[in-house]
Amino acid sequence: MRRFLLVIVILLFGVGVFGLSAQDEKVLVVGHAESTDSLDPAHGYTQTTGIINRVTYETLVTFPDADASAIVPLLAADWTVAEDGLTYTFNLNTAATFANGDMLTADDVVFSFNRLKYVQGTPSFLAANIASVTADDADTVTVVLGTPDPAFLANLAANPFAITNDAQVVENGGSAAEDAATTDTAEAFLNGTSAGTGPYVLESWEPQVETVLVRNANYWGEAPYFDRIIITNIPEAATQKVALESGEIDIALDLTSDQLSTMGDNADVTVATTPGNIVHFLLMNNNPELGGPVSDPRVQLAIRYALDYEGYKALWGGITPASPLAVGQLSAYGEDQAFVRDLDQARALLAEAGYADGFDITLSYPIFTFQGVNMETNAQKIQADLAEVGINVTLNPGELQVSLEEYRSGQQGFAYWFWGPDFLDPIDVLSFLPGGKVGGERANWTDENAEQSIIDLRDQAAVESDPEARVALFQQIQDYLRESGPWAAFLQPNVQTAFRSDLQGYVWHPQWLINLALLSRAE
């Protein structure tokens, strides 16, 4: 078993990195279908990146351990917001230190925010509204926004706003200048070690193989239980199950519902089921040269009617979302507002669009299982569902990183993906609207080819701060997305996680999924 083999290796070769004997070192082994694109906070933007960087870095503010019910201090001790909603002043926690022993200062915050904005990595759009960030003194930072953003504090709890060690990153090629997109070369360094204030330090990352974290000896907060965490890439859910039951891994993050149902009698394994916030959807590119028939709004609506929503729930559990805005978010419609399959309506819409006899289309998607949902299985079901209305789908599975790059660059005409909120505020759904990160860049839904009504709703929702008015706006957006737009949201599965029964402290979180620093072992 893996963790015991590790102990044997340390016995043979001596003392561990913390001066502990092999018998004393506490090791956690996580089985996971890795989706890491980068471990640099300014570049990484996948669920695996979030899990790892949650414990190697920290943000100014965060959420409680169990939910997103409040914004709470972390590296910022407190903050104030100006009446105009544009200026935020943060007083830093003077106890915070980086893993190399350096004290956290306002300069580190300024550097981290500007680098995120200017390096033009995948998550850089999150900082686009920051007009300026300045160090008022060593422990005080002022951020000025270009326009009011009622979700700004929730935004700051997201991993891309992690604070990195200014001096350490600059020494290794980092830049926060306006030309950082071409001059910054620190990503390679940050893929090999971390430069944060979190309870763990990145020791190594071998892509698609293994990530190793070791406890931060200089951590300024409460020390975590485990000395070492090994996150091993196990893409196949069935292999994760075998590894968990044998004790080779302590926790499996991607088992399917049918596998979990067979583990109820195993006293050595505990299964936790939690409502999730990942939405699975079809993308129908609005560029006719890429999307072909699926760029037609009538075809997009027909596809929404053609999907067998109850069938996806039967496969994986969970609920059907009414739109890409996950059920459970503020103002999100519940399942009672979700689409219901209507094949006759789908066929009528296809005939109206000139496709009474159907058409041929290729569906692109990654070969991947995430949180127990196998995308290949869903792709095959999508193919079968659409065949019932005459749409002949050719499946185009791809290697994760290759398919991800095609998706992010807006080159996939008809595609299947999933989405988790960047930050826990309904304003996140604006990413799916014209010009948004997903809508504009990935589905080519732009201000030029969108209706003015949805552009107006988008612009109002982006700045509205009155709670009741916000709810009304986001409900209007959801009404629009049910009838129009290049999306077919079809599943919001439960999160089902299995772990060894001696593991304690497991909590699923809608922002970072799992905080590995909270875990311990019963002794």
Protein backbone atom coordinates (compact mmCIF):
# COMPACT_ATOMS: atom_id res chain seq x y z
CA MET A 1 0.00 0.00 0.00
CA ARG A 2 1.35 3.32 -1.11
CA ARG A 3 1.62 5.22 2.16
CA PHE A 4 3.26 2.23 3.85
CA LEU A 5 5.75 1.91 0.97
CA LEU A 6 6.61 5.56 1.51
CA VAL A 7 7.33 4.86 5.17
CA ILE A 8 9.61 1.97 4.18
CA VAL A 9 11.51 4.25 1.80
CA ILE A 10 12.07 6.79 4.56
CA LEU A 11 13.20 4.04 6.93
CA LEU A 12 15.82 3.00 4.41
CA PHE A 13 17.05 6.48 3.59
CA GLY A 14 16.85 8.26 6.90
CA VAL A 15 15.05 11.17 8.46
CA GLY A 16 12.23 13.05 6.71
CA VAL A 17 12.26 16.70 5.74
CA PHE A 18 10.99 17.82 9.12
CA GLY A 19 13.39 15.80 11.19
CA LEU A 20 10.69 13.24 11.98
CA SER A 21 11.36 9.55 12.12
CA ALA A 22 9.60 7.50 9.47
CA GLN A 23 7.25 6.03 12.04
CA ASP A 24 6.14 9.53 13.08
CA GLU A 25 5.52 11.03 9.65
CA LYS A 26 1.82 11.34 8.96
CA VAL A 27 0.95 10.87 5.29
CA LEU A 28 -2.33 11.45 3.48
CA VAL A 29 -2.80 9.89 0.02
CA VAL A 30 -5.52 11.31 -2.23
CA GLY A 31 -6.78 9.58 -5.36
CA HIS A 32 -7.98 12.06 -7.95
CA ALA A 33 -8.52 12.43 -11.71
CA GLU A 34 -6.08 15.30 -12.17
CA SER A 35 -7.07 18.31 -14.27
CA THR A 36 -4.21 20.65 -13.29
CA ASP A 37 -3.31 23.21 -15.94
CA SER A 38 -0.86 25.20 -13.77
CA LEU A 39 -0.05 25.66 -10.08
CA ASP A 40 0.81 29.33 -10.58
CA PRO A 41 -2.16 31.21 -9.05
CA ALA A 42 -2.11 33.71 -11.91
CA HIS A 43 -2.34 30.95 -14.51
CA GLY A 44 -4.02 27.90 -12.96
CA TYR A 45 -7.76 27.62 -13.41
CA THR A 46 -8.97 24.08 -12.86
CA GLN A 47 -10.58 22.24 -9.97
CA THR A 48 -7.38 20.33 -9.15
CA THR A 49 -5.40 23.58 -9.11
CA GLY A 50 -7.92 24.97 -6.64
CA ILE A 51 -7.62 21.96 -4.32
CA ILE A 52 -3.82 22.20 -4.21
CA ASN A 53 -3.49 25.97 -4.03
CA ARG A 54 -6.11 26.19 -1.31
CA VAL A 55 -3.52 24.77 1.11
CA THR A 56 -0.32 26.26 -0.35
CA TYR A 57 -1.58 29.84 -0.65
CA GLU A 58 -4.03 32.13 1.12
CA THR A 59 -6.23 35.06 0.13
CA LEU A 60 -7.08 38.34 1.85
CA VAL A 61 -10.57 37.11 2.68
CA THR A 62 -12.24 33.71 2.62
CA PHE A 63 -15.40 31.80 3.52
CA PRO A 64 -16.18 29.69 6.59
CA ASP A 65 -14.90 26.10 6.40
CA ALA A 66 -18.30 24.56 5.78
CA ASP A 67 -20.13 26.99 3.49
CA ALA A 68 -20.16 30.41 1.83
CA SER A 69 -22.51 32.08 4.26
CA ALA A 70 -20.16 35.00 5.06
CA ILE A 71 -16.95 36.74 4.04
CA VAL A 72 -14.38 36.28 6.81
CA PRO A 73 -10.83 37.60 7.34
CA LEU A 74 -7.73 35.62 6.43
CA LEU A 75 -4.63 37.56 5.39
CA ALA A 76 -6.62 40.77 5.88
CA ALA A 77 -7.48 41.47 9.51
CA ASP A 78 -10.30 43.82 8.50
CA TRP A 79 -11.39 46.15 5.71
CA THR A 80 -13.58 49.11 4.84
CA VAL A 81 -15.58 49.93 1.72
CA ALA A 82 -16.17 53.50 0.55
CA GLU A 83 -19.73 54.69 0.02
CA ASP A 84 -19.23 54.83 -3.75
CA GLY A 85 -18.52 51.08 -3.79
CA LEU A 86 -15.25 51.64 -5.65
CA THR A 87 -12.58 51.85 -2.93
CA TYR A 88 -11.66 48.96 -0.61
CA THR A 89 -9.02 49.38 2.09
CA PHE A 90 -7.54 46.28 3.74
CA ASN A 91 -5.51 46.15 6.96
CA LEU A 92 -3.25 43.12 6.81
CA ASN A 93 -2.80 40.48 9.49
CA THR A 94 0.63 41.36 10.86
CA ALA A 95 1.24 37.78 12.06
CA ALA A 96 1.20 36.28 8.56
CA THR A 97 4.44 34.94 7.11
CA PHE A 98 5.44 33.22 3.90
CA ALA A 99 6.78 29.68 3.84
CA ASN A 100 10.37 30.98 3.50
CA GLY A 101 9.95 33.05 6.68
CA ASP A 102 9.40 36.46 5.04
CA MET A 103 6.71 38.63 6.61
CA LEU A 104 3.63 39.42 4.54
CA THR A 105 3.55 43.08 3.46
CA ALA A 106 1.30 45.33 1.42
CA ASP A 107 3.84 45.19 -1.42
CA ASP A 108 3.17 41.45 -1.77
CA VAL A 109 -0.55 42.13 -2.21
CA VAL A 110 0.07 44.88 -4.77
CA PHE A 111 2.42 42.62 -6.71
CA SER A 112 0.06 39.62 -6.64
CA PHE A 113 -3.01 41.56 -7.82
CA ASN A 114 -1.14 43.40 -10.57
CA ARG A 115 0.58 40.24 -11.74
CA LEU A 116 -2.78 38.44 -11.93
CA LYS A 117 -4.18 41.31 -13.99
CA TYR A 118 -1.28 41.80 -16.37
CA VAL A 119 0.14 38.30 -16.88
CA GLN A 120 -2.98 37.50 -18.92
CA GLY A 121 -3.34 33.96 -17.67
CA THR A 122 -6.65 32.14 -17.86
CA PRO A 123 -8.06 33.71 -14.63
CA SER A 124 -6.76 37.23 -15.31
CA PHE A 125 -10.25 38.43 -16.26
CA LEU A 126 -11.14 38.27 -12.55
CA ALA A 127 -8.86 41.28 -11.96
CA ALA A 128 -9.86 43.25 -15.05
CA ASN A 129 -12.04 45.68 -13.06
CA ILE A 130 -9.21 46.67 -10.71
CA ALA A 131 -8.23 50.23 -11.67
CA SER A 132 -5.41 50.48 -9.13
CA VAL A 133 -3.94 48.78 -6.10
CA THR A 134 -1.54 50.63 -3.81
CA ALA A 135 0.37 50.07 -0.59
CA ASP A 136 -0.58 52.87 1.80
CA ASP A 137 1.98 51.58 4.28
CA ALA A 138 3.56 48.22 5.08
CA ASP A 139 0.31 46.77 6.40
CA THR A 140 -2.41 48.62 4.48
CA VAL A 141 -3.59 48.15 0.89
CA THR A 142 -6.15 50.15 -1.06
CA VAL A 143 -7.88 48.71 -4.12
CA VAL A 144 -9.86 50.98 -6.44
CA LEU A 145 -12.29 49.43 -8.91
CA GLY A 146 -13.19 50.81 -12.32
CA THR A 147 -16.90 50.25 -11.70
CA PRO A 148 -18.83 49.13 -8.61
CA ASP A 149 -18.78 45.35 -8.22
CA PRO A 150 -21.13 43.93 -5.58
CA ALA A 151 -19.34 40.57 -5.80
CA PHE A 152 -15.80 41.90 -5.31
CA LEU A 153 -15.21 40.48 -1.83
CA ALA A 154 -16.55 37.06 -2.84
CA ASN A 155 -14.30 37.33 -5.88
CA LEU A 156 -11.26 37.91 -3.64
CA ALA A 157 -11.86 34.57 -1.91
CA ALA A 158 -11.13 32.78 -5.19
CA ASN A 159 -7.75 31.10 -5.57
CA PRO A 160 -6.36 33.36 -8.37
CA PHE A 161 -6.24 36.19 -5.80
CA ALA A 162 -3.82 34.19 -3.65
CA ILE A 163 -0.99 36.33 -2.28
CA THR A 164 2.48 35.36 -3.47
CA ASN A 165 5.87 36.40 -2.11
CA ASP A 166 6.86 39.42 -4.19
CA ALA A 167 10.63 39.08 -3.74
CA GLN A 168 10.69 35.32 -4.26
CA VAL A 169 8.60 35.40 -7.44
CA VAL A 170 10.52 38.34 -8.93
CA GLU A 171 13.81 36.56 -8.19
CA ASN A 172 12.51 33.69 -10.30
CA GLY A 173 11.33 35.66 -13.30
CA GLY A 174 8.07 37.15 -12.08
CA SER A 175 6.72 40.52 -13.18
CA ALA A 176 3.69 42.62 -12.30
CA ALA A 177 4.33 45.24 -14.95
CA GLU A 178 1.83 46.03 -17.69
CA ASP A 179 3.89 43.93 -20.12
CA ALA A 180 3.92 40.89 -17.82
CA ALA A 181 2.09 38.82 -20.44
CA THR A 182 5.34 38.74 -22.43
CA THR A 183 7.99 39.31 -19.76
CA ASP A 184 6.89 37.16 -16.80
CA THR A 185 8.63 33.78 -16.71
CA ALA A 186 7.82 32.66 -13.15
CA GLU A 187 5.21 30.05 -14.01
CA ALA A 188 7.78 27.28 -14.34
CA PHE A 189 9.17 28.12 -10.90
CA LEU A 190 5.70 28.15 -9.33
CA ASN A 191 4.91 24.79 -10.92
CA GLY A 192 7.81 23.33 -8.97
CA THR A 193 7.39 25.00 -5.61
CA SER A 194 4.94 27.39 -3.98
CA ALA A 195 5.57 30.91 -2.73
CA GLY A 196 2.62 31.40 -0.41
CA THR A 197 1.54 31.63 3.20
CA GLY A 198 -0.53 28.43 3.35
CA PRO A 199 -0.15 25.46 5.70
CA TYR A 200 1.58 23.38 3.01
CA VAL A 201 4.38 23.86 0.50
CA LEU A 202 4.49 22.31 -2.95
CA GLU A 203 7.39 19.85 -3.00
CA SER A 204 6.85 18.48 -6.51
CA TRP A 205 4.36 18.18 -9.33
CA GLU A 206 4.71 15.57 -12.04
CA PRO A 207 1.80 16.37 -14.38
CA GLN A 208 -0.78 13.60 -14.71
CA VAL A 209 1.20 11.47 -12.26
CA GLU A 210 1.58 12.89 -8.76
CA THR A 211 1.65 16.06 -6.66
CA VAL A 212 3.43 16.11 -3.29
CA LEU A 213 2.85 18.68 -0.57
CA VAL A 214 4.81 18.98 2.68
CA ARG A 215 3.88 20.80 5.82
CA ASN A 216 4.96 24.44 6.00
CA ALA A 217 7.31 24.63 9.01
CA ASN A 218 6.85 28.43 9.11
CA TYR A 219 3.06 28.43 8.94
CA TRP A 220 1.68 31.33 10.96
CA GLY A 221 -1.66 29.65 11.74
CA GLU A 222 -2.67 26.35 13.31
CA ALA A 223 -0.45 23.55 12.03
CA PRO A 224 -2.25 20.89 9.96
CA TYR A 225 -2.28 17.25 11.04
CA PHE A 226 -0.54 15.60 8.10
CA ASP A 227 3.16 16.12 7.43
CA ARG A 228 2.91 15.07 3.80
CA ILE A 229 0.09 14.88 1.26
CA ILE A 230 0.41 12.85 -1.91
CA ILE A 231 -2.20 13.50 -4.60
CA THR A 232 -1.93 10.69 -7.09
CA ASN A 233 -3.54 10.85 -10.51
CA ILE A 234 -5.97 7.97 -10.97
CA PRO A 235 -8.14 8.84 -13.99
CA GLU A 236 -10.24 5.67 -13.86
CA ALA A 237 -12.92 5.66 -11.18
CA ALA A 238 -12.82 1.86 -10.95
CA THR A 239 -9.10 2.00 -10.15
CA GLN A 240 -9.74 4.63 -7.47
CA LYS A 241 -12.27 2.31 -5.89
CA VAL A 242 -9.86 -0.61 -5.74
CA ALA A 243 -7.09 1.62 -4.34
CA LEU A 244 -9.39 2.98 -1.63
CA GLU A 245 -10.72 -0.40 -0.54
CA SER A 246 -7.19 -1.82 -0.37
CA GLY A 247 -5.96 1.13 1.71
CA GLU A 248 -3.53 2.34 -0.94
CA ILE A 249 -5.25 5.73 -0.89
CA ASP A 250 -7.10 7.46 1.96
CA ILE A 251 -9.70 9.35 -0.04
CA ALA A 252 -11.17 8.96 -3.54
CA LEU A 253 -12.61 12.10 -5.11
CA ASP A 254 -14.03 10.73 -8.35
CA LEU A 255 -15.99 7.54 -7.73
CA THR A 256 -19.20 7.03 -9.68
CA SER A 257 -22.56 6.58 -7.98
CA ASP A 258 -22.82 2.90 -8.96
CA GLN A 259 -19.43 2.21 -7.40
CA LEU A 260 -20.32 4.03 -4.21
CA SER A 261 -23.54 2.06 -3.89
CA THR A 262 -21.51 -1.16 -3.56
CA MET A 263 -19.46 0.13 -0.63
CA GLY A 264 -22.17 0.44 2.00
CA ASP A 265 -21.22 -2.79 3.77
CA ASN A 266 -17.52 -1.95 3.97
CA ALA A 267 -16.86 -0.74 7.53
CA ASP A 268 -13.44 0.55 6.48
CA VAL A 269 -14.93 3.08 4.06
CA THR A 270 -17.22 6.06 4.65
CA VAL A 271 -19.26 7.70 1.87
CA ALA A 272 -20.31 11.36 2.15
CA THR A 273 -22.98 12.77 -0.18
CA THR A 274 -23.40 16.52 -0.56
CA PRO A 275 -25.34 18.73 -3.00
CA GLY A 276 -22.82 19.96 -5.56
CA ASN A 277 -22.50 23.16 -7.59
CA ILE A 278 -20.90 21.87 -10.79
CA VAL A 279 -23.13 22.31 -13.85
CA HIS A 280 -22.69 20.05 -16.90
CA PHE A 281 -23.69 21.70 -20.17
CA LEU A 282 -23.53 21.64 -23.95
CA LEU A 283 -21.85 24.53 -25.77
CA MET A 284 -23.26 25.47 -29.18
CA ASN A 285 -20.89 27.90 -30.88
CA ASN A 286 -22.55 31.07 -32.15
CA ASN A 287 -20.03 31.38 -34.99
CA PRO A 288 -21.73 29.64 -37.95
CA GLU A 289 -18.33 28.70 -39.41
CA LEU A 290 -17.65 26.64 -36.28
CA GLY A 291 -21.11 25.74 -34.99
CA GLY A 292 -22.89 25.17 -38.28
CA PRO A 293 -26.52 24.23 -37.50
CA VAL A 294 -26.09 24.63 -33.72
CA SER A 295 -25.37 28.36 -34.14
CA ASP A 296 -29.07 28.80 -35.01
CA PRO A 297 -31.09 29.89 -31.91
CA ARG A 298 -33.96 27.61 -32.93
CA VAL A 299 -31.64 24.61 -33.05
CA GLN A 300 -30.15 25.58 -29.69
CA LEU A 301 -33.63 25.59 -28.15
CA ALA A 302 -34.49 22.31 -29.88
CA ILE A 303 -31.46 20.66 -28.33
CA ARG A 304 -32.52 21.87 -24.90
CA TYR A 305 -35.88 20.20 -25.46
CA ALA A 306 -34.30 17.00 -26.79
CA LEU A 307 -32.15 16.07 -23.79
CA ASP A 308 -33.35 13.37 -21.39
CA TYR A 309 -32.82 15.23 -18.12
CA GLU A 310 -34.31 12.52 -15.92
CA GLY A 311 -31.95 10.02 -17.51
CA TYR A 312 -28.84 11.94 -16.46
CA LYS A 313 -30.10 12.17 -12.89
CA ALA A 314 -30.76 8.43 -12.91
CA LEU A 315 -27.15 7.85 -13.90
CA TRP A 316 -25.45 10.15 -11.41
CA GLY A 317 -27.91 11.55 -8.90
CA GLY A 318 -28.34 15.27 -8.39
CA ILE A 319 -30.73 17.79 -9.92
CA THR A 320 -31.46 19.50 -13.23
CA PRO A 321 -30.44 23.19 -13.23
CA ALA A 322 -32.59 25.73 -15.03
CA SER A 323 -29.54 27.46 -16.53
CA PRO A 324 -25.75 27.57 -16.07
CA LEU A 325 -26.39 29.33 -12.73
CA ALA A 326 -26.08 26.49 -10.21
CA VAL A 327 -29.06 25.75 -7.99
CA GLY A 328 -28.21 26.99 -4.49
CA GLN A 329 -26.66 30.27 -5.57
CA LEU A 330 -28.45 33.46 -4.54
CA SER A 331 -31.39 34.09 -6.93
CA ALA A 332 -30.90 30.80 -8.81
CA TYR A 333 -34.05 29.06 -9.98
CA GLY A 334 -34.76 25.66 -8.50
CA GLU A 335 -35.35 22.45 -10.39
CA ASP A 336 -39.04 23.32 -10.75
CA GLN A 337 -37.98 25.92 -13.35
CA ALA A 338 -35.70 23.53 -15.25
CA PHE A 339 -36.35 22.19 -18.75
CA VAL A 340 -38.52 19.13 -19.25
CA ARG A 341 -37.93 16.93 -22.27
CA ASP A 342 -40.34 17.52 -25.17
CA LEU A 343 -39.35 15.66 -28.34
CA ASP A 344 -42.27 16.97 -30.37
CA GLN A 345 -41.30 20.54 -29.59
CA ALA A 346 -37.68 19.76 -30.46
CA ARG A 347 -38.68 18.30 -33.86
CA ALA A 348 -40.94 21.28 -34.60
CA LEU A 349 -38.13 23.74 -33.89
CA LEU A 350 -35.71 21.79 -36.07
CA ALA A 351 -38.23 21.83 -38.93
CA GLU A 352 -38.71 25.58 -38.49
CA ALA A 353 -34.94 26.04 -38.73
CA GLY A 354 -34.84 24.02 -41.96
CA TYR A 355 -33.63 20.73 -40.47
CA ALA A 356 -36.77 18.60 -40.60
CA ASP A 357 -34.58 15.63 -41.54
CA GLY A 358 -31.98 16.45 -38.93
CA PHE A 359 -28.28 17.05 -39.53
CA ASP A 360 -24.82 15.70 -38.77
CA ILE A 361 -22.66 17.28 -36.06
CA THR A 362 -19.48 16.44 -34.12
CA LEU A 363 -19.47 16.63 -30.31
CA SER A 364 -16.10 17.43 -28.69
CA TYR A 365 -15.37 16.65 -25.04
CA PRO A 366 -12.47 15.47 -22.85
CA ILE A 367 -11.96 11.89 -21.76
CA PHE A 368 -12.47 12.59 -18.09
CA THR A 369 -14.30 11.58 -14.93
CA PHE A 370 -14.89 14.39 -12.47
CA GLN A 371 -16.49 13.94 -9.04
CA GLY A 372 -17.81 10.57 -10.13
CA VAL A 373 -19.41 11.72 -13.40
CA ASN A 374 -17.94 10.02 -16.46
CA MET A 375 -18.04 12.35 -19.44
CA GLU A 376 -17.73 9.54 -21.98
CA THR A 377 -20.90 7.95 -20.61
CA ASN A 378 -22.75 11.27 -20.80
CA ALA A 379 -21.47 11.93 -24.33
CA GLN A 380 -22.84 8.59 -25.47
CA LYS A 381 -26.19 9.43 -23.88
CA ILE A 382 -26.22 12.88 -25.52
CA GLN A 383 -25.60 11.11 -28.82
CA ALA A 384 -28.54 8.76 -28.20
CA ASP A 385 -30.85 11.56 -26.99
CA LEU A 386 -30.26 13.74 -30.04
CA ALA A 387 -30.59 10.81 -32.44
CA GLU A 388 -34.25 10.63 -31.41
CA VAL A 389 -34.88 13.97 -33.13
CA GLY A 390 -32.71 13.24 -36.16
CA ILE A 391 -29.45 14.87 -35.05
CA ASN A 392 -26.63 12.47 -35.86
CA VAL A 393 -23.76 13.07 -33.46
CA THR A 394 -20.21 11.89 -34.10
CA LEU A 395 -18.27 11.70 -30.84
CA ASN A 396 -14.88 13.41 -30.70
CA PRO A 397 -13.25 12.55 -27.34
CA GLY A 398 -9.94 14.26 -26.67
CA GLU A 399 -7.07 14.26 -24.21
CA LEU A 400 -8.02 16.64 -21.39
CA GLN A 401 -5.42 19.38 -21.86
CA VAL A 402 -5.72 19.36 -25.66
CA SER A 403 -9.51 19.55 -25.55
CA LEU A 404 -9.38 22.19 -22.80
CA GLU A 405 -7.19 24.44 -24.94
CA GLU A 406 -9.55 24.07 -27.91
CA TYR A 407 -12.50 24.94 -25.68
CA ARG A 408 -10.81 27.94 -24.10
CA SER A 409 -9.78 29.32 -27.49
CA GLY A 410 -13.35 29.10 -28.81
CA GLN A 411 -12.55 26.52 -31.49
CA GLN A 412 -15.10 23.85 -30.57
CA GLY A 413 -18.34 24.09 -32.54
CA PHE A 414 -20.42 21.69 -30.43
CA ALA A 415 -18.95 20.63 -27.10
CA TYR A 416 -19.70 19.10 -23.72
CA TRP A 417 -18.12 20.62 -20.60
CA PHE A 418 -18.85 21.43 -16.97
CA TRP A 419 -18.49 24.60 -14.91
CA GLY A 420 -18.00 25.43 -11.26
CA PRO A 421 -18.42 28.97 -9.95
CA ASP A 422 -15.33 31.18 -10.01
CA PHE A 423 -16.73 32.92 -6.94
CA LEU A 424 -19.88 32.38 -4.94
CA ASP A 425 -22.10 35.16 -6.20
CA PRO A 426 -24.72 35.00 -8.96
CA ILE A 427 -22.75 37.60 -10.90
CA ASP A 428 -20.56 34.66 -11.93
CA VAL A 429 -23.23 33.64 -14.46
CA LEU A 430 -22.34 36.76 -16.46
CA SER A 431 -19.41 34.69 -17.72
CA PHE A 432 -21.96 32.85 -19.86
CA LEU A 433 -23.44 36.00 -21.40
CA PRO A 434 -22.30 37.89 -24.52
CA GLY A 435 -18.68 38.96 -24.20
CA GLY A 436 -18.16 36.88 -21.03
CA LYS A 437 -15.31 34.49 -20.36
CA VAL A 438 -17.35 31.51 -21.53
CA GLY A 439 -19.97 33.23 -23.64
CA GLY A 440 -17.66 35.50 -25.59
CA GLU A 441 -14.37 33.63 -25.71
CA ARG A 442 -15.61 30.04 -25.92
CA ALA A 443 -19.02 30.22 -27.59
CA ASN A 444 -18.38 33.34 -29.70
CA TRP A 445 -21.52 34.97 -28.30
CA THR A 446 -20.61 38.64 -28.67
CA ASP A 447 -22.28 42.03 -28.42
CA GLU A 448 -22.35 42.05 -32.23
CA ASN A 449 -24.43 38.86 -32.57
CA ALA A 450 -26.47 39.11 -29.34
CA GLU A 451 -29.85 40.69 -28.74
CA GLN A 452 -29.80 44.08 -27.04
CA SER A 453 -32.11 42.87 -24.27
CA ILE A 454 -29.57 40.42 -22.85
CA ILE A 455 -26.75 42.96 -23.21
CA ASP A 456 -28.79 45.45 -21.18
CA LEU A 457 -29.55 42.85 -18.51
CA ARG A 458 -25.87 41.93 -18.32
CA ASP A 459 -24.75 45.51 -17.90
CA GLN A 460 -27.34 46.24 -15.20
CA ALA A 461 -26.57 43.07 -13.24
CA ALA A 462 -22.84 43.81 -13.29
CA VAL A 463 -23.23 46.93 -11.14
CA GLU A 464 -26.52 46.60 -9.26
CA SER A 465 -25.98 46.45 -5.49
CA ASP A 466 -29.55 46.53 -4.13
CA PRO A 467 -30.31 42.94 -2.98
CA GLU A 468 -33.90 42.81 -4.23
CA ALA A 469 -33.04 44.42 -7.54
CA ARG A 470 -30.17 41.96 -8.01
CA VAL A 471 -32.46 38.96 -7.50
CA ALA A 472 -34.92 40.34 -10.06
CA LEU A 473 -32.18 40.94 -12.64
CA PHE A 474 -30.65 37.51 -12.29
CA GLN A 475 -34.05 35.87 -12.56
CA GLN A 476 -34.64 37.78 -15.81
CA ILE A 477 -31.27 36.53 -17.04
CA GLN A 478 -32.27 32.97 -16.23
CA ASP A 479 -35.60 33.46 -18.04
CA TYR A 480 -33.66 34.56 -21.10
CA LEU A 481 -31.19 31.66 -20.93
CA ARG A 482 -33.99 29.12 -20.77
CA GLU A 483 -35.25 30.26 -24.18
CA SER A 484 -32.14 31.65 -25.86
CA GLY A 485 -28.37 31.42 -25.86
CA PRO A 486 -25.78 28.82 -26.83
CA TRP A 487 -26.13 26.59 -23.74
CA ALA A 488 -27.96 23.47 -22.69
CA ALA A 489 -27.40 22.92 -18.97
CA PHE A 490 -28.47 19.35 -18.21
CA LEU A 491 -27.05 18.11 -14.90
CA GLN A 492 -25.94 19.37 -11.48
CA PRO A 493 -24.73 16.17 -9.82
CA ASN A 494 -24.31 15.47 -6.15
CA VAL A 495 -20.78 15.34 -4.77
CA GLN A 496 -20.12 11.86 -3.44
CA THR A 497 -16.77 11.29 -1.79
CA ALA A 498 -15.48 8.08 -0.26
CA PHE A 499 -12.67 7.86 2.28
CA ARG A 500 -11.13 5.52 4.81
CA SER A 501 -13.25 5.49 7.96
CA ASP A 502 -10.38 6.56 10.19
CA LEU A 503 -10.14 9.86 8.28
CA GLN A 504 -11.69 12.83 10.08
CA GLY A 505 -12.57 16.41 9.16
CA TYR A 506 -13.93 15.92 5.64
CA VAL A 507 -16.05 18.90 4.52
CA TRP A 508 -17.07 19.59 0.93
CA HIS A 509 -16.96 23.29 0.07
CA PRO A 510 -18.60 25.03 -2.90
CA GLN A 511 -15.53 27.21 -3.52
CA TRP A 512 -12.45 24.99 -3.12
CA LEU A 513 -14.19 21.58 -3.03
CA ILE A 514 -12.01 20.13 -0.27
CA ASN A 515 -9.60 21.71 2.21
CA LEU A 516 -6.95 19.04 2.75
CA ALA A 517 -5.54 20.94 5.73
CA LEU A 518 -8.69 20.14 7.73
CA LEU A 519 -8.19 16.39 7.51
CA SER A 520 -6.74 14.22 10.27
CA ARG A 521 -6.65 10.57 11.23
CA ALA A 522 -8.26 8.98 14.28
CA GLU A 523 -5.58 7.63 16.59
